[in-house]
């Protein structure tokens, strides 16, 4: 699904970047950048982050990624190795 970045004038000066999907729906809006060069760097950062970022869930007020990290840390403290890692070591 191809979308596009749209460079827009910010209300108080500078520029904002909109991420728009293939059906012309707004997906995300950036912070205000002071100039076009900063906005271009912002687009590069958005592309990098979007390609590598984890998904973090906050459903029903729970931070699921933090809960997973705590469980993993507790397991590591007690010498428990999760099966995926154990199998990878073989």
PDB file of N, CA and C in Angstrom:
ATOM      1  N   UNK A   1       0.858  -1.169   0.000  1.00  0.00           N
ATOM      2  CA  UNK A   1       0.000   0.000   0.000  1.00  0.00           C
ATOM      3  C   UNK A   1       0.902   1.229   0.000  1.00  0.00           C
ATOM      4  N   UNK A   2       0.857   1.969  -1.051  1.00  0.00           N
ATOM      5  CA  UNK A   2       1.671   3.176  -1.162  1.00  0.00           C
ATOM      6  C   UNK A   2       0.905   4.379  -0.638  1.00  0.00           C
ATOM      7  N   UNK A   3       1.581   5.158   0.133  1.00  0.00           N
ATOM      8  CA  UNK A   3       1.046   6.419   0.623  1.00  0.00           C
ATOM      9  C   UNK A   3       2.034   7.512   0.270  1.00  0.00           C
ATOM     10  N   UNK A   4       1.901   8.640   0.920  1.00  0.00           N
ATOM     11  CA  UNK A   4       2.840   9.724   0.642  1.00  0.00           C
ATOM     12  C   UNK A   4       2.956  10.652   1.843  1.00  0.00           C
ATOM     13  N   UNK A   5       4.048  11.398   1.866  1.00  0.00           N
ATOM     14  CA  UNK A   5       4.261  12.446   2.846  1.00  0.00           C
ATOM     15  C   UNK A   5       3.855  13.760   2.197  1.00  0.00           C
ATOM     16  N   UNK A   6       3.160  14.588   2.940  1.00  0.00           N
ATOM     17  CA  UNK A   6       2.743  15.887   2.424  1.00  0.00           C
ATOM     18  C   UNK A   6       3.321  16.974   3.324  1.00  0.00           C
ATOM     19  N   UNK A   7       4.092  17.865   2.745  1.00  0.00           N
ATOM     20  CA  UNK A   7       4.674  18.992   3.462  1.00  0.00           C
ATOM     21  C   UNK A   7       3.652  20.116   3.493  1.00  0.00           C
ATOM     22  N   UNK A   8       3.354  20.615   4.707  1.00  0.00           N
ATOM     23  CA  UNK A   8       2.311  21.623   4.866  1.00  0.00           C
ATOM     24  C   UNK A   8       2.839  22.804   5.679  1.00  0.00           C
ATOM     25  N   UNK A   9       2.288  23.983   5.441  1.00  0.00           N
ATOM     26  CA  UNK A   9       2.600  25.138   6.279  1.00  0.00           C
ATOM     27  C   UNK A   9       1.983  24.905   7.657  1.00  0.00           C
ATOM     28  N   UNK A  10       2.759  25.146   8.707  1.00  0.00           N
ATOM     29  CA  UNK A  10       2.243  25.045  10.070  1.00  0.00           C
ATOM     30  C   UNK A  10       1.499  26.335  10.416  1.00  0.00           C
ATOM     31  N   UNK A  11       0.495  26.255  11.271  1.00  0.00           N
ATOM     32  CA  UNK A  11      -0.295  27.446  11.604  1.00  0.00           C
ATOM     33  C   UNK A  11       0.521  28.610  12.168  1.00  0.00           C
ATOM     34  N   UNK A  12       1.538  28.309  12.958  1.00  0.00           N
ATOM     35  CA  UNK A  12       2.339  29.363  13.586  1.00  0.00           C
ATOM     36  C   UNK A  12       3.687  29.566  12.913  1.00  0.00           C
ATOM     37  N   UNK A  13       3.814  29.156  11.673  1.00  0.00           N
ATOM     38  CA  UNK A  13       5.079  29.267  10.945  1.00  0.00           C
ATOM     39  C   UNK A  13       5.801  27.928  10.931  1.00  0.00           C
ATOM     40  N   UNK A  14       6.716  27.773  10.008  1.00  0.00           N
ATOM     41  CA  UNK A  14       7.422  26.513   9.847  1.00  0.00           C
ATOM     42  C   UNK A  14       6.600  25.539   9.025  1.00  0.00           C
ATOM     43  N   UNK A  15       6.935  24.259   9.167  1.00  0.00           N
ATOM     44  CA  UNK A  15       6.280  23.226   8.363  1.00  0.00           C
ATOM     45  C   UNK A  15       5.884  22.031   9.215  1.00  0.00           C
ATOM     46  N   UNK A  16       4.873  21.341   8.756  1.00  0.00           N
ATOM     47  CA  UNK A  16       4.454  20.067   9.340  1.00  0.00           C
ATOM     48  C   UNK A  16       4.423  19.043   8.212  1.00  0.00           C
ATOM     49  N   UNK A  17       4.568  17.783   8.588  1.00  0.00           N
ATOM     50  CA  UNK A  17       4.537  16.698   7.609  1.00  0.00           C
ATOM     51  C   UNK A  17       3.353  15.802   7.931  1.00  0.00           C
ATOM     52  N   UNK A  18       2.515  15.551   6.939  1.00  0.00           N
ATOM     53  CA  UNK A  18       1.390  14.626   7.087  1.00  0.00           C
ATOM     54  C   UNK A  18       1.747  13.332   6.370  1.00  0.00           C
ATOM     55  N   UNK A  19       1.423  12.209   6.996  1.00  0.00           N
ATOM     56  CA  UNK A  19       1.556  10.913   6.352  1.00  0.00           C
ATOM     57  C   UNK A  19       0.153  10.500   5.937  1.00  0.00           C
ATOM     58  N   UNK A  20      -0.037  10.263   4.644  1.00  0.00           N
ATOM     59  CA  UNK A  20      -1.348   9.992   4.067  1.00  0.00           C
ATOM     60  C   UNK A  20      -1.303   8.629   3.387  1.00  0.00           C
ATOM     61  N   UNK A  21      -2.337   7.810   3.587  1.00  0.00           N
ATOM     62  CA  UNK A  21      -2.349   6.486   2.971  1.00  0.00           C
ATOM     63  C   UNK A  21      -2.839   6.552   1.524  1.00  0.00           C
ATOM     64  N   UNK A  22      -2.904   5.389   0.872  1.00  0.00           N
ATOM     65  CA  UNK A  22      -3.262   5.334  -0.544  1.00  0.00           C
ATOM     66  C   UNK A  22      -4.695   5.773  -0.826  1.00  0.00           C
ATOM     67  N   UNK A  23      -5.538   5.809   0.213  1.00  0.00           N
ATOM     68  CA  UNK A  23      -6.927   6.250   0.041  1.00  0.00           C
ATOM     69  C   UNK A  23      -7.126   7.693   0.510  1.00  0.00           C
ATOM     70  N   UNK A  24      -6.019   8.412   0.656  1.00  0.00           N
ATOM     71  CA  UNK A  24      -6.002   9.818   1.075  1.00  0.00           C
ATOM     72  C   UNK A  24      -6.521  10.056   2.490  1.00  0.00           C
ATOM     73  N   UNK A  25      -6.360   9.066   3.374  1.00  0.00           N
ATOM     74  CA  UNK A  25      -6.709   9.232   4.778  1.00  0.00           C
ATOM     75  C   UNK A  25      -5.457   9.630   5.552  1.00  0.00           C
ATOM     76  N   UNK A  26      -5.583  10.583   6.443  1.00  0.00           N
ATOM     77  CA  UNK A  26      -4.480  11.007   7.288  1.00  0.00           C
ATOM     78  C   UNK A  26      -4.138   9.883   8.262  1.00  0.00           C
ATOM     79  N   UNK A  27      -2.868   9.491   8.275  1.00  0.00           N
ATOM     80  CA  UNK A  27      -2.405   8.433   9.159  1.00  0.00           C
ATOM     81  C   UNK A  27      -1.657   9.029  10.348  1.00  0.00           C
ATOM     82  N   UNK A  28      -0.843  10.061  10.092  1.00  0.00           N
ATOM     83  CA  UNK A  28      -0.062  10.681  11.165  1.00  0.00           C
ATOM     84  C   UNK A  28       0.270  12.115  10.786  1.00  0.00           C
ATOM     85  N   UNK A  29       0.465  12.941  11.831  1.00  0.00           N
ATOM     86  CA  UNK A  29       0.857  14.337  11.634  1.00  0.00           C
ATOM     87  C   UNK A  29       2.077  14.594  12.508  1.00  0.00           C
ATOM     88  N   UNK A  30       3.046  15.265  11.966  1.00  0.00           N
ATOM     89  CA  UNK A  30       4.289  15.521  12.683  1.00  0.00           C
ATOM     90  C   UNK A  30       4.186  16.734  13.595  1.00  0.00           C
ATOM     91  N   UNK A  31       5.257  16.946  14.315  1.00  0.00           N
ATOM     92  CA  UNK A  31       5.447  18.189  15.063  1.00  0.00           C
ATOM     93  C   UNK A  31       5.775  19.277  14.048  1.00  0.00           C
ATOM     94  N   UNK A  32       5.889  20.510  14.510  1.00  0.00           N
ATOM     95  CA  UNK A  32       6.265  21.616  13.622  1.00  0.00           C
ATOM     96  C   UNK A  32       7.781  21.666  13.475  1.00  0.00           C
ATOM     97  N   UNK A  33       8.230  21.747  12.238  1.00  0.00           N
ATOM     98  CA  UNK A  33       9.651  21.892  11.936  1.00  0.00           C
ATOM     99  C   UNK A  33       9.920  23.344  11.552  1.00  0.00           C
ATOM    100  N   UNK A  34      11.089  23.885  11.900  1.00  0.00           N
ATOM    101  CA  UNK A  34      11.361  25.299  11.630  1.00  0.00           C
ATOM    102  C   UNK A  34      11.529  25.630  10.150  1.00  0.00           C
ATOM    103  N   UNK A  35      11.999  24.663   9.345  1.00  0.00           N
ATOM    104  CA  UNK A  35      12.217  24.927   7.924  1.00  0.00           C
ATOM    105  C   UNK A  35      12.095  23.640   7.116  1.00  0.00           C
ATOM    106  N   UNK A  36      12.179  23.775   5.808  1.00  0.00           N
ATOM    107  CA  UNK A  36      12.014  22.626   4.916  1.00  0.00           C
ATOM    108  C   UNK A  36      13.090  21.567   5.098  1.00  0.00           C
ATOM    109  N   UNK A  37      14.328  21.987   5.368  1.00  0.00           N
ATOM    110  CA  UNK A  37      15.416  21.027   5.567  1.00  0.00           C
ATOM    111  C   UNK A  37      15.162  20.178   6.809  1.00  0.00           C
ATOM    112  N   UNK A  38      14.698  20.805   7.877  1.00  0.00           N
ATOM    113  CA  UNK A  38      14.382  20.061   9.103  1.00  0.00           C
ATOM    114  C   UNK A  38      13.216  19.111   8.854  1.00  0.00           C
ATOM    115  N   UNK A  39      12.243  19.535   8.062  1.00  0.00           N
ATOM    116  CA  UNK A  39      11.107  18.676   7.733  1.00  0.00           C
ATOM    117  C   UNK A  39      11.578  17.457   6.928  1.00  0.00           C
ATOM    118  N   UNK A  40      12.509  17.664   6.006  1.00  0.00           N
ATOM    119  CA  UNK A  40      13.050  16.553   5.212  1.00  0.00           C
ATOM    120  C   UNK A  40      13.774  15.554   6.118  1.00  0.00           C
ATOM    121  N   UNK A  41      14.526  16.056   7.104  1.00  0.00           N
ATOM    122  CA  UNK A  41      15.188  15.165   8.067  1.00  0.00           C
ATOM    123  C   UNK A  41      14.147  14.431   8.903  1.00  0.00           C
ATOM    124  N   UNK A  42      13.063  15.118   9.232  1.00  0.00           N
ATOM    125  CA  UNK A  42      11.979  14.491   9.978  1.00  0.00           C
ATOM    126  C   UNK A  42      11.358  13.342   9.205  1.00  0.00           C
ATOM    127  N   UNK A  43      11.180  13.528   7.911  1.00  0.00           N
ATOM    128  CA  UNK A  43      10.636  12.459   7.059  1.00  0.00           C
ATOM    129  C   UNK A  43      11.580  11.259   7.060  1.00  0.00           C
ATOM    130  N   UNK A  44      12.875  11.506   6.961  1.00  0.00           N
ATOM    131  CA  UNK A  44      13.856  10.419   6.996  1.00  0.00           C
ATOM    132  C   UNK A  44      13.777   9.675   8.331  1.00  0.00           C
ATOM    133  N   UNK A  45      13.618  10.410   9.418  1.00  0.00           N
ATOM    134  CA  UNK A  45      13.488   9.775  10.736  1.00  0.00           C
ATOM    135  C   UNK A  45      12.212   8.959  10.841  1.00  0.00           C
ATOM    136  N   UNK A  46      11.114   9.490  10.311  1.00  0.00           N
ATOM    137  CA  UNK A  46       9.839   8.752  10.339  1.00  0.00           C
ATOM    138  C   UNK A  46       9.983   7.440   9.576  1.00  0.00           C
ATOM    139  N   UNK A  47      10.624   7.487   8.420  1.00  0.00           N
ATOM    140  CA  UNK A  47      10.816   6.259   7.628  1.00  0.00           C
ATOM    141  C   UNK A  47      11.647   5.235   8.383  1.00  0.00           C
ATOM    142  N   UNK A  48      12.703   5.682   9.031  1.00  0.00           N
ATOM    143  CA  UNK A  48      13.568   4.777   9.792  1.00  0.00           C
ATOM    144  C   UNK A  48      12.823   4.181  10.977  1.00  0.00           C
ATOM    145  N   UNK A  49      12.145   5.006  11.737  1.00  0.00           N
ATOM    146  CA  UNK A  49      11.426   4.531  12.916  1.00  0.00           C
ATOM    147  C   UNK A  49      10.307   3.574  12.520  1.00  0.00           C
ATOM    148  N   UNK A  50       9.538   3.933  11.503  1.00  0.00           N
ATOM    149  CA  UNK A  50       8.407   3.095  11.092  1.00  0.00           C
ATOM    150  C   UNK A  50       8.870   1.728  10.612  1.00  0.00           C
ATOM    151  N   UNK A  51      10.042   1.667  10.016  1.00  0.00           N
ATOM    152  CA  UNK A  51      10.543   0.397   9.511  1.00  0.00           C
ATOM    153  C   UNK A  51      11.108  -0.520  10.574  1.00  0.00           C
ATOM    154  N   UNK A  52      11.429   0.026  11.746  1.00  0.00           N
ATOM    155  CA  UNK A  52      12.092  -0.782  12.763  1.00  0.00           C
ATOM    156  C   UNK A  52      11.398  -0.758  14.121  1.00  0.00           C
ATOM    157  N   UNK A  53      10.366   0.035  14.272  1.00  0.00           N
ATOM    158  CA  UNK A  53       9.749   0.229  15.592  1.00  0.00           C
ATOM    159  C   UNK A  53       8.949  -0.981  16.059  1.00  0.00           C
ATOM    160  N   UNK A  54       8.953  -1.189  17.358  1.00  0.00           N
ATOM    161  CA  UNK A  54       8.107  -2.202  17.973  1.00  0.00           C
ATOM    162  C   UNK A  54       6.693  -1.649  18.089  1.00  0.00           C
ATOM    163  N   UNK A  55       5.743  -2.533  18.210  1.00  0.00           N
ATOM    164  CA  UNK A  55       4.360  -2.128  18.459  1.00  0.00           C
ATOM    165  C   UNK A  55       4.141  -2.210  19.956  1.00  0.00           C
ATOM    166  N   UNK A  56       3.665  -1.147  20.538  1.00  0.00           N
ATOM    167  CA  UNK A  56       3.456  -1.096  21.982  1.00  0.00           C
ATOM    168  C   UNK A  56       1.971  -0.939  22.246  1.00  0.00           C
ATOM    169  N   UNK A  57       1.396  -1.887  22.978  1.00  0.00           N
ATOM    170  CA  UNK A  57      -0.035  -1.868  23.238  1.00  0.00           C
ATOM    171  C   UNK A  57      -0.366  -1.201  24.558  1.00  0.00           C
ATOM    172  N   UNK A  58      -1.395  -0.389  24.571  1.00  0.00           N
ATOM    173  CA  UNK A  58      -1.888   0.250  25.788  1.00  0.00           C
ATOM    174  C   UNK A  58      -3.390  -0.010  25.898  1.00  0.00           C
ATOM    175  N   UNK A  59      -3.771  -1.239  25.692  1.00  0.00           N
ATOM    176  CA  UNK A  59      -5.188  -1.577  25.752  1.00  0.00           C
ATOM    177  C   UNK A  59      -5.642  -1.669  27.196  1.00  0.00           C
ATOM    178  N   UNK A  60      -6.787  -1.130  27.466  1.00  0.00           N
ATOM    179  CA  UNK A  60      -7.387  -1.176  28.794  1.00  0.00           C
ATOM    180  C   UNK A  60      -6.450  -0.637  29.871  1.00  0.00           C
ATOM    181  N   UNK A  61      -5.638   0.361  29.492  1.00  0.00           N
ATOM    182  CA  UNK A  61      -4.753   0.997  30.458  1.00  0.00           C
ATOM    183  C   UNK A  61      -3.523   0.186  30.821  1.00  0.00           C
ATOM    184  N   UNK A  62      -3.251  -0.897  30.111  1.00  0.00           N
ATOM    185  CA  UNK A  62      -2.096  -1.745  30.408  1.00  0.00           C
ATOM    186  C   UNK A  62      -1.013  -1.525  29.370  1.00  0.00           C
ATOM    187  N   UNK A  63       0.199  -1.374  29.825  1.00  0.00           N
ATOM    188  CA  UNK A  63       1.344  -1.245  28.938  1.00  0.00           C
ATOM    189  C   UNK A  63       1.898  -2.646  28.704  1.00  0.00           C
ATOM    190  N   UNK A  64       1.440  -3.304  27.640  1.00  0.00           N
ATOM    191  CA  UNK A  64       1.750  -4.710  27.420  1.00  0.00           C
ATOM    192  C   UNK A  64       3.223  -4.964  27.142  1.00  0.00           C
ATOM    193  N   UNK A  65       3.910  -4.045  26.465  1.00  0.00           N
ATOM    194  CA  UNK A  65       5.331  -4.238  26.197  1.00  0.00           C
ATOM    195  C   UNK A  65       6.123  -4.177  27.503  1.00  0.00           C
ATOM    196  N   UNK A  66       5.777  -3.247  28.388  1.00  0.00           N
ATOM    197  CA  UNK A  66       6.453  -3.155  29.683  1.00  0.00           C
ATOM    198  C   UNK A  66       6.212  -4.405  30.512  1.00  0.00           C
ATOM    199  N   UNK A  67       4.996  -4.949  30.470  1.00  0.00           N
ATOM    200  CA  UNK A  67       4.682  -6.173  31.208  1.00  0.00           C
ATOM    201  C   UNK A  67       5.536  -7.325  30.684  1.00  0.00           C
ATOM    202  N   UNK A  68       5.664  -7.440  29.363  1.00  0.00           N
ATOM    203  CA  UNK A  68       6.487  -8.489  28.757  1.00  0.00           C
ATOM    204  C   UNK A  68       7.938  -8.342  29.195  1.00  0.00           C
ATOM    205  N   UNK A  69       8.457  -7.109  29.186  1.00  0.00           N
ATOM    206  CA  UNK A  69       9.848  -6.882  29.593  1.00  0.00           C
ATOM    207  C   UNK A  69      10.062  -7.280  31.048  1.00  0.00           C
ATOM    208  N   UNK A  70       9.112  -6.946  31.925  1.00  0.00           N
ATOM    209  CA  UNK A  70       9.242  -7.301  33.339  1.00  0.00           C
ATOM    210  C   UNK A  70       9.257  -8.817  33.505  1.00  0.00           C
ATOM    211  N   UNK A  71       8.374  -9.519  32.785  1.00  0.00           N
ATOM    212  CA  UNK A  71       8.342 -10.987  32.867  1.00  0.00           C
ATOM    213  C   UNK A  71       9.660 -11.575  32.392  1.00  0.00           C
ATOM    214  N   UNK A  72      10.153 -11.045  31.284  1.00  0.00           N
ATOM    215  CA  UNK A  72      11.403 -11.550  30.716  1.00  0.00           C
ATOM    216  C   UNK A  72      12.564 -11.311  31.682  1.00  0.00           C
ATOM    217  N   UNK A  73      12.613 -10.123  32.287  1.00  0.00           N
ATOM    218  CA  UNK A  73      13.676  -9.804  33.242  1.00  0.00           C
ATOM    219  C   UNK A  73      13.589 -10.707  34.465  1.00  0.00           C
ATOM    220  N   UNK A  74      12.379 -10.955  34.961  1.00  0.00           N
ATOM    221  CA  UNK A  74      12.195 -11.826  36.118  1.00  0.00           C
ATOM    222  C   UNK A  74      12.620 -13.252  35.788  1.00  0.00           C
ATOM    223  N   UNK A  75      12.278 -13.732  34.593  1.00  0.00           N
ATOM    224  CA  UNK A  75      12.668 -15.074  34.181  1.00  0.00           C
ATOM    225  C   UNK A  75      14.184 -15.192  34.092  1.00  0.00           C
ATOM    226  N   UNK A  76      14.832 -14.172  33.554  1.00  0.00           N
ATOM    227  CA  UNK A  76      16.281 -14.186  33.418  1.00  0.00           C
ATOM    228  C   UNK A  76      16.960 -14.205  34.785  1.00  0.00           C
ATOM    229  N   UNK A  77      16.391 -13.502  35.763  1.00  0.00           N
ATOM    230  CA  UNK A  77      16.961 -13.485  37.109  1.00  0.00           C
ATOM    231  C   UNK A  77      16.895 -14.862  37.759  1.00  0.00           C
ATOM    232  N   UNK A  78      15.872 -15.627  37.424  1.00  0.00           N
ATOM    233  CA  UNK A  78      15.685 -16.934  38.028  1.00  0.00           C
ATOM    234  C   UNK A  78      16.261 -18.063  37.173  1.00  0.00           C
ATOM    235  N   UNK A  79      17.028 -17.713  36.145  1.00  0.00           N
ATOM    236  CA  UNK A  79      17.673 -18.714  35.311  1.00  0.00           C
ATOM    237  C   UNK A  79      16.763 -19.408  34.330  1.00  0.00           C
ATOM    238  N   UNK A  80      15.593 -18.858  34.079  1.00  0.00           N
ATOM    239  CA  UNK A  80      14.662 -19.460  33.129  1.00  0.00           C
ATOM    240  C   UNK A  80      14.990 -18.916  31.746  1.00  0.00           C
ATOM    241  N   UNK A  81      15.171 -19.806  30.796  1.00  0.00           N
ATOM    242  CA  UNK A  81      15.447 -19.400  29.417  1.00  0.00           C
ATOM    243  C   UNK A  81      14.220 -19.713  28.592  1.00  0.00           C
ATOM    244  N   UNK A  82      13.731 -18.734  27.830  1.00  0.00           N
ATOM    245  CA  UNK A  82      12.530 -19.037  27.052  1.00  0.00           C
ATOM    246  C   UNK A  82      12.864 -20.016  25.943  1.00  0.00           C
ATOM    247  N   UNK A  83      11.891 -20.811  25.529  1.00  0.00           N
ATOM    248  CA  UNK A  83      12.110 -21.914  24.603  1.00  0.00           C
ATOM    249  C   UNK A  83      12.665 -21.474  23.268  1.00  0.00           C
ATOM    250  N   UNK A  84      12.259 -20.316  22.791  1.00  0.00           N
ATOM    251  CA  UNK A  84      12.766 -19.821  21.506  1.00  0.00           C
ATOM    252  C   UNK A  84      14.256 -19.611  21.543  1.00  0.00           C
ATOM    253  N   UNK A  85      14.748 -19.039  22.611  1.00  0.00           N
ATOM    254  CA  UNK A  85      16.184 -18.807  22.744  1.00  0.00           C
ATOM    255  C   UNK A  85      16.925 -20.119  22.961  1.00  0.00           C
ATOM    256  N   UNK A  86      16.354 -21.008  23.761  1.00  0.00           N
ATOM    257  CA  UNK A  86      17.004 -22.274  24.036  1.00  0.00           C
ATOM    258  C   UNK A  86      17.148 -23.087  22.761  1.00  0.00           C
ATOM    259  N   UNK A  87      16.103 -23.102  21.938  1.00  0.00           N
ATOM    260  CA  UNK A  87      16.143 -23.845  20.675  1.00  0.00           C
ATOM    261  C   UNK A  87      17.168 -23.230  19.716  1.00  0.00           C
ATOM    262  N   UNK A  88      17.303 -21.921  19.748  1.00  0.00           N
ATOM    263  CA  UNK A  88      18.246 -21.251  18.858  1.00  0.00           C
ATOM    264  C   UNK A  88      19.684 -21.570  19.216  1.00  0.00           C
ATOM    265  N   UNK A  89      19.947 -21.937  20.463  1.00  0.00           N
ATOM    266  CA  UNK A  89      21.310 -22.240  20.904  1.00  0.00           C
ATOM    267  C   UNK A  89      21.769 -23.618  20.462  1.00  0.00           C
ATOM    268  N   UNK A  90      20.833 -24.494  20.122  1.00  0.00           N
ATOM    269  CA  UNK A  90      21.180 -25.874  19.758  1.00  0.00           C
ATOM    270  C   UNK A  90      21.924 -25.949  18.461  1.00  0.00           C
TER     271      UNK A  90
END
